[in-house]
Amino acid sequence: MNETLQQLLLAALHDETVRTQLLATREESDPCAAFCDCATRLGYPVTVGELFCMGEEFNAAMLRSVNGGGVEGPEGWNDAYEMFFAALG
């Protein structure tokens, strides 16, 4: 998770209004876009492309860290959007 998402996560963990707004985005027809719009309105600019890229970069780094390189990463670990909500609890 990049610094912007980490700051947003901390805000959501400490402010129920922020948490509620972010959780409500999961009910939208395009939840990732709604999440990014909400985060940006709250002062934490993030795009859908950045979310995708974060997940891919994290997964690639994890696979590179395995001697000889990993074949497949753990399922879901390349999804920064879902990892954010998992951390939010």
PDB file of N, CA and C in Angstrom:
ATOM      1  N   MET A   1       0.852  -1.160   0.000  1.00  0.00           N
ATOM      2  CA  MET A   1       0.000   0.000   0.000  1.00  0.00           C
ATOM      3  C   MET A   1       0.906   1.234   0.000  1.00  0.00           C
ATOM      4  N   ASN A   2       0.590   2.196  -0.833  1.00  0.00           N
ATOM      5  CA  ASN A   2       1.429   3.385  -0.882  1.00  0.00           C
ATOM      6  C   ASN A   2       1.090   4.328   0.272  1.00  0.00           C
ATOM      7  N   GLU A   3       1.862   5.399   0.380  1.00  0.00           N
ATOM      8  CA  GLU A   3       1.712   6.314   1.503  1.00  0.00           C
ATOM      9  C   GLU A   3       0.332   6.956   1.551  1.00  0.00           C
ATOM     10  N   THR A   4      -0.210   7.310   0.394  1.00  0.00           N
ATOM     11  CA  THR A   4      -1.537   7.938   0.353  1.00  0.00           C
ATOM     12  C   THR A   4      -2.592   6.996   0.918  1.00  0.00           C
ATOM     13  N   LEU A   5      -2.562   5.727   0.498  1.00  0.00           N
ATOM     14  CA  LEU A   5      -3.553   4.765   1.017  1.00  0.00           C
ATOM     15  C   LEU A   5      -3.326   4.487   2.498  1.00  0.00           C
ATOM     16  N   GLN A   6      -2.078   4.481   2.933  1.00  0.00           N
ATOM     17  CA  GLN A   6      -1.806   4.269   4.354  1.00  0.00           C
ATOM     18  C   GLN A   6      -2.393   5.409   5.184  1.00  0.00           C
ATOM     19  N   GLN A   7      -2.237   6.641   4.700  1.00  0.00           N
ATOM     20  CA  GLN A   7      -2.800   7.795   5.404  1.00  0.00           C
ATOM     21  C   GLN A   7      -4.324   7.728   5.402  1.00  0.00           C
ATOM     22  N   LEU A   8      -4.904   7.331   4.272  1.00  0.00           N
ATOM     23  CA  LEU A   8      -6.357   7.189   4.191  1.00  0.00           C
ATOM     24  C   LEU A   8      -6.840   6.106   5.143  1.00  0.00           C
ATOM     25  N   LEU A   9      -6.125   5.011   5.216  1.00  0.00           N
ATOM     26  CA  LEU A   9      -6.487   3.927   6.129  1.00  0.00           C
ATOM     27  C   LEU A   9      -6.467   4.417   7.570  1.00  0.00           C
ATOM     28  N   LEU A  10      -5.429   5.148   7.946  1.00  0.00           N
ATOM     29  CA  LEU A  10      -5.362   5.682   9.309  1.00  0.00           C
ATOM     30  C   LEU A  10      -6.522   6.632   9.585  1.00  0.00           C
ATOM     31  N   ALA A  11      -6.849   7.467   8.608  1.00  0.00           N
ATOM     32  CA  ALA A  11      -7.983   8.385   8.771  1.00  0.00           C
ATOM     33  C   ALA A  11      -9.272   7.592   8.971  1.00  0.00           C
ATOM     34  N   ALA A  12      -9.458   6.545   8.189  1.00  0.00           N
ATOM     35  CA  ALA A  12     -10.676   5.730   8.279  1.00  0.00           C
ATOM     36  C   ALA A  12     -10.741   4.962   9.601  1.00  0.00           C
ATOM     37  N   LEU A  13      -9.600   4.560  10.110  1.00  0.00           N
ATOM     38  CA  LEU A  13      -9.569   3.830  11.384  1.00  0.00           C
ATOM     39  C   LEU A  13      -9.880   4.748  12.571  1.00  0.00           C
ATOM     40  N   HIS A  14      -9.609   6.041  12.414  1.00  0.00           N
ATOM     41  CA  HIS A  14      -9.798   6.981  13.510  1.00  0.00           C
ATOM     42  C   HIS A  14     -11.028   7.879  13.355  1.00  0.00           C
ATOM     43  N   ASP A  15     -11.654   7.845  12.200  1.00  0.00           N
ATOM     44  CA  ASP A  15     -12.811   8.719  11.950  1.00  0.00           C
ATOM     45  C   ASP A  15     -13.932   7.888  11.324  1.00  0.00           C
ATOM     46  N   GLU A  16     -14.978   7.685  12.085  1.00  0.00           N
ATOM     47  CA  GLU A  16     -16.082   6.834  11.639  1.00  0.00           C
ATOM     48  C   GLU A  16     -16.771   7.385  10.392  1.00  0.00           C
ATOM     49  N   THR A  17     -16.800   8.706  10.231  1.00  0.00           N
ATOM     50  CA  THR A  17     -17.415   9.304   9.053  1.00  0.00           C
ATOM     51  C   THR A  17     -16.648   8.919   7.793  1.00  0.00           C
ATOM     52  N   VAL A  18     -15.330   8.988   7.865  1.00  0.00           N
ATOM     53  CA  VAL A  18     -14.487   8.599   6.721  1.00  0.00           C
ATOM     54  C   VAL A  18     -14.693   7.121   6.426  1.00  0.00           C
ATOM     55  N   ARG A  19     -14.662   6.318   7.463  1.00  0.00           N
ATOM     56  CA  ARG A  19     -14.852   4.863   7.313  1.00  0.00           C
ATOM     57  C   ARG A  19     -16.187   4.550   6.629  1.00  0.00           C
ATOM     58  N   THR A  20     -17.248   5.189   7.092  1.00  0.00           N
ATOM     59  CA  THR A  20     -18.579   4.959   6.537  1.00  0.00           C
ATOM     60  C   THR A  20     -18.646   5.349   5.066  1.00  0.00           C
ATOM     61  N   GLN A  21     -18.053   6.493   4.737  1.00  0.00           N
ATOM     62  CA  GLN A  21     -18.056   6.939   3.339  1.00  0.00           C
ATOM     63  C   GLN A  21     -17.321   5.945   2.447  1.00  0.00           C
ATOM     64  N   LEU A  22     -16.174   5.463   2.911  1.00  0.00           N
ATOM     65  CA  LEU A  22     -15.395   4.513   2.105  1.00  0.00           C
ATOM     66  C   LEU A  22     -16.127   3.178   1.961  1.00  0.00           C
ATOM     67  N   LEU A  23     -16.692   2.700   3.035  1.00  0.00           N
ATOM     68  CA  LEU A  23     -17.425   1.431   2.969  1.00  0.00           C
ATOM     69  C   LEU A  23     -18.636   1.533   2.045  1.00  0.00           C
ATOM     70  N   ALA A  24     -19.271   2.685   1.997  1.00  0.00           N
ATOM     71  CA  ALA A  24     -20.435   2.880   1.129  1.00  0.00           C
ATOM     72  C   ALA A  24     -20.070   2.746  -0.349  1.00  0.00           C
ATOM     73  N   THR A  25     -18.822   3.015  -0.694  1.00  0.00           N
ATOM     74  CA  THR A  25     -18.414   2.914  -2.104  1.00  0.00           C
ATOM     75  C   THR A  25     -18.479   1.480  -2.608  1.00  0.00           C
ATOM     76  N   ARG A  26     -18.423   0.518  -1.724  1.00  0.00           N
ATOM     77  CA  ARG A  26     -18.454  -0.892  -2.123  1.00  0.00           C
ATOM     78  C   ARG A  26     -19.804  -1.288  -2.703  1.00  0.00           C
ATOM     79  N   GLU A  27     -20.825  -0.479  -2.450  1.00  0.00           N
ATOM     80  CA  GLU A  27     -22.173  -0.759  -2.941  1.00  0.00           C
ATOM     81  C   GLU A  27     -22.450  -0.131  -4.305  1.00  0.00           C
ATOM     82  N   GLU A  28     -21.520   0.669  -4.800  1.00  0.00           N
ATOM     83  CA  GLU A  28     -21.701   1.356  -6.084  1.00  0.00           C
ATOM     84  C   GLU A  28     -21.537   0.382  -7.247  1.00  0.00           C
ATOM     85  N   SER A  29     -22.040   0.770  -8.431  1.00  0.00           N
ATOM     86  CA  SER A  29     -21.925  -0.092  -9.615  1.00  0.00           C
ATOM     87  C   SER A  29     -20.470  -0.256 -10.051  1.00  0.00           C
ATOM     88  N   ASP A  30     -19.629   0.746  -9.808  1.00  0.00           N
ATOM     89  CA  ASP A  30     -18.191   0.662 -10.081  1.00  0.00           C
ATOM     90  C   ASP A  30     -17.470   1.023  -8.787  1.00  0.00           C
ATOM     91  N   PRO A  31     -17.321   0.044  -7.873  1.00  0.00           N
ATOM     92  CA  PRO A  31     -16.809   0.345  -6.543  1.00  0.00           C
ATOM     93  C   PRO A  31     -15.390   0.913  -6.527  1.00  0.00           C
ATOM     94  N   CYS A  32     -14.529   0.464  -7.410  1.00  0.00           N
ATOM     95  CA  CYS A  32     -13.154   0.987  -7.421  1.00  0.00           C
ATOM     96  C   CYS A  32     -13.138   2.463  -7.797  1.00  0.00           C
ATOM     97  N   ALA A  33     -13.892   2.830  -8.812  1.00  0.00           N
ATOM     98  CA  ALA A  33     -13.961   4.231  -9.231  1.00  0.00           C
ATOM     99  C   ALA A  33     -14.596   5.079  -8.132  1.00  0.00           C
ATOM    100  N   ALA A  34     -15.645   4.566  -7.506  1.00  0.00           N
ATOM    101  CA  ALA A  34     -16.305   5.299  -6.428  1.00  0.00           C
ATOM    102  C   ALA A  34     -15.352   5.477  -5.243  1.00  0.00           C
ATOM    103  N   PHE A  35     -14.582   4.440  -4.937  1.00  0.00           N
ATOM    104  CA  PHE A  35     -13.593   4.519  -3.865  1.00  0.00           C
ATOM    105  C   PHE A  35     -12.568   5.612  -4.160  1.00  0.00           C
ATOM    106  N   CYS A  36     -12.052   5.621  -5.380  1.00  0.00           N
ATOM    107  CA  CYS A  36     -11.043   6.613  -5.764  1.00  0.00           C
ATOM    108  C   CYS A  36     -11.618   8.023  -5.728  1.00  0.00           C
ATOM    109  N   ASP A  37     -12.853   8.198  -6.199  1.00  0.00           N
ATOM    110  CA  ASP A  37     -13.501   9.506  -6.146  1.00  0.00           C
ATOM    111  C   ASP A  37     -13.667   9.966  -4.698  1.00  0.00           C
ATOM    112  N   CYS A  38     -14.110   9.070  -3.843  1.00  0.00           N
ATOM    113  CA  CYS A  38     -14.311   9.395  -2.433  1.00  0.00           C
ATOM    114  C   CYS A  38     -12.977   9.743  -1.774  1.00  0.00           C
ATOM    115  N   ALA A  39     -11.963   8.931  -2.003  1.00  0.00           N
ATOM    116  CA  ALA A  39     -10.644   9.181  -1.422  1.00  0.00           C
ATOM    117  C   ALA A  39     -10.110  10.538  -1.864  1.00  0.00           C
ATOM    118  N   THR A  40     -10.284  10.858  -3.126  1.00  0.00           N
ATOM    119  CA  THR A  40      -9.811  12.142  -3.655  1.00  0.00           C
ATOM    120  C   THR A  40     -10.565  13.298  -3.015  1.00  0.00           C
ATOM    121  N   ARG A  41     -11.885  13.170  -2.880  1.00  0.00           N
ATOM    122  CA  ARG A  41     -12.682  14.215  -2.214  1.00  0.00           C
ATOM    123  C   ARG A  41     -12.231  14.426  -0.771  1.00  0.00           C
ATOM    124  N   LEU A  42     -11.792  13.344  -0.129  1.00  0.00           N
ATOM    125  CA  LEU A  42     -11.339  13.421   1.260  1.00  0.00           C
ATOM    126  C   LEU A  42      -9.915  13.955   1.391  1.00  0.00           C
ATOM    127  N   GLY A  43      -9.268  14.201   0.250  1.00  0.00           N
ATOM    128  CA  GLY A  43      -7.912  14.758   0.277  1.00  0.00           C
ATOM    129  C   GLY A  43      -6.807  13.732   0.110  1.00  0.00           C
ATOM    130  N   TYR A  44      -7.169  12.533  -0.327  1.00  0.00           N
ATOM    131  CA  TYR A  44      -6.195  11.457  -0.548  1.00  0.00           C
ATOM    132  C   TYR A  44      -6.310  10.999  -1.999  1.00  0.00           C
ATOM    133  N   PRO A  45      -5.737  11.762  -2.920  1.00  0.00           N
ATOM    134  CA  PRO A  45      -5.927  11.457  -4.342  1.00  0.00           C
ATOM    135  C   PRO A  45      -5.328  10.108  -4.747  1.00  0.00           C
ATOM    136  N   VAL A  46      -6.167   9.299  -5.373  1.00  0.00           N
ATOM    137  CA  VAL A  46      -5.750   7.993  -5.887  1.00  0.00           C
ATOM    138  C   VAL A  46      -6.632   7.684  -7.097  1.00  0.00           C
ATOM    139  N   THR A  47      -6.057   6.996  -8.070  1.00  0.00           N
ATOM    140  CA  THR A  47      -6.817   6.612  -9.260  1.00  0.00           C
ATOM    141  C   THR A  47      -6.942   5.096  -9.319  1.00  0.00           C
ATOM    142  N   VAL A  48      -7.857   4.634 -10.140  1.00  0.00           N
ATOM    143  CA  VAL A  48      -8.043   3.192 -10.317  1.00  0.00           C
ATOM    144  C   VAL A  48      -6.748   2.578 -10.871  1.00  0.00           C
ATOM    145  N   GLY A  49      -6.117   3.271 -11.796  1.00  0.00           N
ATOM    146  CA  GLY A  49      -4.855   2.784 -12.359  1.00  0.00           C
ATOM    147  C   GLY A  49      -3.784   2.630 -11.297  1.00  0.00           C
ATOM    148  N   GLU A  50      -3.724   3.580 -10.367  1.00  0.00           N
ATOM    149  CA  GLU A  50      -2.750   3.485  -9.280  1.00  0.00           C
ATOM    150  C   GLU A  50      -3.052   2.286  -8.381  1.00  0.00           C
ATOM    151  N   LEU A  51      -4.332   2.052  -8.110  1.00  0.00           N
ATOM    152  CA  LEU A  51      -4.701   0.889  -7.289  1.00  0.00           C
ATOM    153  C   LEU A  51      -4.228  -0.401  -7.943  1.00  0.00           C
ATOM    154  N   PHE A  52      -4.486  -0.517  -9.232  1.00  0.00           N
ATOM    155  CA  PHE A  52      -4.083  -1.712  -9.963  1.00  0.00           C
ATOM    156  C   PHE A  52      -2.558  -1.862  -9.943  1.00  0.00           C
ATOM    157  N   CYS A  53      -1.875  -0.766 -10.214  1.00  0.00           N
ATOM    158  CA  CYS A  53      -0.416  -0.774 -10.272  1.00  0.00           C
ATOM    159  C   CYS A  53       0.192  -1.141  -8.918  1.00  0.00           C
ATOM    160  N   MET A  54      -0.368  -0.605  -7.831  1.00  0.00           N
ATOM    161  CA  MET A  54       0.134  -0.913  -6.490  1.00  0.00           C
ATOM    162  C   MET A  54       0.079  -2.405  -6.222  1.00  0.00           C
ATOM    163  N   GLY A  55      -1.045  -2.991  -6.559  1.00  0.00           N
ATOM    164  CA  GLY A  55      -1.205  -4.429  -6.322  1.00  0.00           C
ATOM    165  C   GLY A  55      -0.236  -5.246  -7.148  1.00  0.00           C
ATOM    166  N   GLU A  56      -0.080  -4.877  -8.396  1.00  0.00           N
ATOM    167  CA  GLU A  56       0.838  -5.609  -9.275  1.00  0.00           C
ATOM    168  C   GLU A  56       2.283  -5.458  -8.813  1.00  0.00           C
ATOM    169  N   GLU A  57       2.672  -4.253  -8.421  1.00  0.00           N
ATOM    170  CA  GLU A  57       4.044  -4.020  -7.958  1.00  0.00           C
ATOM    171  C   GLU A  57       4.329  -4.798  -6.682  1.00  0.00           C
ATOM    172  N   PHE A  58       3.371  -4.815  -5.762  1.00  0.00           N
ATOM    173  CA  PHE A  58       3.553  -5.551  -4.524  1.00  0.00           C
ATOM    174  C   PHE A  58       3.712  -7.040  -4.801  1.00  0.00           C
ATOM    175  N   ASN A  59       2.850  -7.577  -5.641  1.00  0.00           N
ATOM    176  CA  ASN A  59       2.896  -8.994  -5.964  1.00  0.00           C
ATOM    177  C   ASN A  59       4.208  -9.352  -6.666  1.00  0.00           C
ATOM    178  N   ALA A  60       4.637  -8.525  -7.608  1.00  0.00           N
ATOM    179  CA  ALA A  60       5.880  -8.778  -8.325  1.00  0.00           C
ATOM    180  C   ALA A  60       7.077  -8.736  -7.384  1.00  0.00           C
ATOM    181  N   ALA A  61       7.096  -7.776  -6.472  1.00  0.00           N
ATOM    182  CA  ALA A  61       8.200  -7.675  -5.514  1.00  0.00           C
ATOM    183  C   ALA A  61       8.236  -8.895  -4.607  1.00  0.00           C
ATOM    184  N   MET A  62       7.067  -9.366  -4.208  1.00  0.00           N
ATOM    185  CA  MET A  62       7.012 -10.533  -3.343  1.00  0.00           C
ATOM    186  C   MET A  62       7.536 -11.766  -4.081  1.00  0.00           C
ATOM    187  N   LEU A  63       7.169 -11.917  -5.343  1.00  0.00           N
ATOM    188  CA  LEU A  63       7.638 -13.069  -6.108  1.00  0.00           C
ATOM    189  C   LEU A  63       9.136 -13.000  -6.352  1.00  0.00           C
ATOM    190  N   ARG A  64       9.666 -11.800  -6.578  1.00  0.00           N
ATOM    191  CA  ARG A  64      11.108 -11.641  -6.781  1.00  0.00           C
ATOM    192  C   ARG A  64      11.891 -11.962  -5.523  1.00  0.00           C
ATOM    193  N   SER A  65      11.268 -11.819  -4.363  1.00  0.00           N
ATOM    194  CA  SER A  65      11.979 -12.029  -3.111  1.00  0.00           C
ATOM    195  C   SER A  65      12.212 -13.510  -2.811  1.00  0.00           C
ATOM    196  N   VAL A  66      11.592 -14.380  -3.568  1.00  0.00           N
ATOM    197  CA  VAL A  66      11.744 -15.826  -3.374  1.00  0.00           C
ATOM    198  C   VAL A  66      12.948 -16.296  -4.180  1.00  0.00           C
ATOM    199  N   ASN A  67      13.817 -17.066  -3.556  1.00  0.00           N
ATOM    200  CA  ASN A  67      14.974 -17.598  -4.284  1.00  0.00           C
ATOM    201  C   ASN A  67      14.504 -18.330  -5.531  1.00  0.00           C
ATOM    202  N   GLY A  68      15.016 -17.915  -6.672  1.00  0.00           N
ATOM    203  CA  GLY A  68      14.626 -18.529  -7.927  1.00  0.00           C
ATOM    204  C   GLY A  68      13.355 -17.943  -8.497  1.00  0.00           C
ATOM    205  N   GLY A  69      12.691 -17.076  -7.756  1.00  0.00           N
ATOM    206  CA  GLY A  69      11.452 -16.463  -8.241  1.00  0.00           C
ATOM    207  C   GLY A  69      10.264 -17.367  -7.995  1.00  0.00           C
ATOM    208  N   GLY A  70       9.184 -16.791  -7.562  1.00  0.00           N
ATOM    209  CA  GLY A  70       7.972 -17.570  -7.315  1.00  0.00           C
ATOM    210  C   GLY A  70       7.202 -17.782  -8.600  1.00  0.00           C
ATOM    211  N   VAL A  71       6.405 -18.807  -8.601  1.00  0.00           N
ATOM    212  CA  VAL A  71       5.593 -19.111  -9.770  1.00  0.00           C
ATOM    213  C   VAL A  71       4.282 -18.344  -9.702  1.00  0.00           C
ATOM    214  N   GLU A  72       3.624 -18.375  -8.573  1.00  0.00           N
ATOM    215  CA  GLU A  72       2.359 -17.670  -8.389  1.00  0.00           C
ATOM    216  C   GLU A  72       2.330 -17.063  -6.996  1.00  0.00           C
ATOM    217  N   GLY A  73       1.818 -15.859  -6.916  1.00  0.00           N
ATOM    218  CA  GLY A  73       1.664 -15.220  -5.617  1.00  0.00           C
ATOM    219  C   GLY A  73       0.399 -15.704  -4.936  1.00  0.00           C
ATOM    220  N   PRO A  74       0.275 -15.429  -3.649  1.00  0.00           N
ATOM    221  CA  PRO A  74      -0.955 -15.784  -2.944  1.00  0.00           C
ATOM    222  C   PRO A  74      -2.154 -15.091  -3.580  1.00  0.00           C
ATOM    223  N   GLU A  75      -3.226 -15.797  -3.705  1.00  0.00           N
ATOM    224  CA  GLU A  75      -4.428 -15.258  -4.351  1.00  0.00           C
ATOM    225  C   GLU A  75      -4.931 -14.022  -3.605  1.00  0.00           C
ATOM    226  N   GLY A  76      -5.180 -12.970  -4.361  1.00  0.00           N
ATOM    227  CA  GLY A  76      -5.733 -11.755  -3.801  1.00  0.00           C
ATOM    228  C   GLY A  76      -4.716 -10.741  -3.327  1.00  0.00           C
ATOM    229  N   TRP A  77      -3.452 -11.128  -3.214  1.00  0.00           N
ATOM    230  CA  TRP A  77      -2.437 -10.212  -2.706  1.00  0.00           C
ATOM    231  C   TRP A  77      -2.083  -9.139  -3.726  1.00  0.00           C
ATOM    232  N   ASN A  78      -2.519  -9.291  -4.959  1.00  0.00           N
ATOM    233  CA  ASN A  78      -2.229  -8.272  -5.970  1.00  0.00           C
ATOM    234  C   ASN A  78      -3.382  -7.284  -6.102  1.00  0.00           C
ATOM    235  N   ASP A  79      -4.326  -7.312  -5.187  1.00  0.00           N
ATOM    236  CA  ASP A  79      -5.497  -6.448  -5.237  1.00  0.00           C
ATOM    237  C   ASP A  79      -5.429  -5.421  -4.102  1.00  0.00           C
ATOM    238  N   ALA A  80      -4.838  -4.261  -4.381  1.00  0.00           N
ATOM    239  CA  ALA A  80      -4.660  -3.231  -3.359  1.00  0.00           C
ATOM    240  C   ALA A  80      -5.997  -2.749  -2.808  1.00  0.00           C
ATOM    241  N   TYR A  81      -7.013  -2.720  -3.655  1.00  0.00           N
ATOM    242  CA  TYR A  81      -8.352  -2.292  -3.235  1.00  0.00           C
ATOM    243  C   TYR A  81      -8.885  -3.229  -2.147  1.00  0.00           C
ATOM    244  N   GLU A  82      -8.853  -4.514  -2.391  1.00  0.00           N
ATOM    245  CA  GLU A  82      -9.350  -5.477  -1.398  1.00  0.00           C
ATOM    246  C   GLU A  82      -8.455  -5.523  -0.170  1.00  0.00           C
ATOM    247  N   MET A  83      -7.163  -5.377  -0.369  1.00  0.00           N
ATOM    248  CA  MET A  83      -6.236  -5.375   0.774  1.00  0.00           C
ATOM    249  C   MET A  83      -6.511  -4.160   1.677  1.00  0.00           C
ATOM    250  N   PHE A  84      -6.874  -3.032   1.078  1.00  0.00           N
ATOM    251  CA  PHE A  84      -7.224  -1.844   1.869  1.00  0.00           C
ATOM    252  C   PHE A  84      -8.398  -2.169   2.788  1.00  0.00           C
ATOM    253  N   PHE A  85      -9.446  -2.764   2.230  1.00  0.00           N
ATOM    254  CA  PHE A  85     -10.635  -3.050   3.027  1.00  0.00           C
ATOM    255  C   PHE A  85     -10.374  -4.183   4.029  1.00  0.00           C
ATOM    256  N   ALA A  86      -9.484  -5.096   3.705  1.00  0.00           N
ATOM    257  CA  ALA A  86      -9.119  -6.132   4.670  1.00  0.00           C
ATOM    258  C   ALA A  86      -8.421  -5.493   5.873  1.00  0.00           C
ATOM    259  N   ALA A  87      -7.554  -4.520   5.604  1.00  0.00           N
ATOM    260  CA  ALA A  87      -6.853  -3.824   6.692  1.00  0.00           C
ATOM    261  C   ALA A  87      -7.803  -2.944   7.493  1.00  0.00           C
ATOM    262  N   LEU A  88      -8.820  -2.420   6.818  1.00  0.00           N
ATOM    263  CA  LEU A  88      -9.804  -1.569   7.493  1.00  0.00           C
ATOM    264  C   LEU A  88     -10.654  -2.383   8.461  1.00  0.00           C
ATOM    265  N   GLY A  89     -10.837  -3.666   8.113  1.00  0.00           N
ATOM    266  CA  GLY A  89     -11.574  -4.578   8.979  1.00  0.00           C
ATOM    267  C   GLY A  89     -12.993  -4.292   8.995  1.00  0.00           C
TER     268      GLY A  89
END
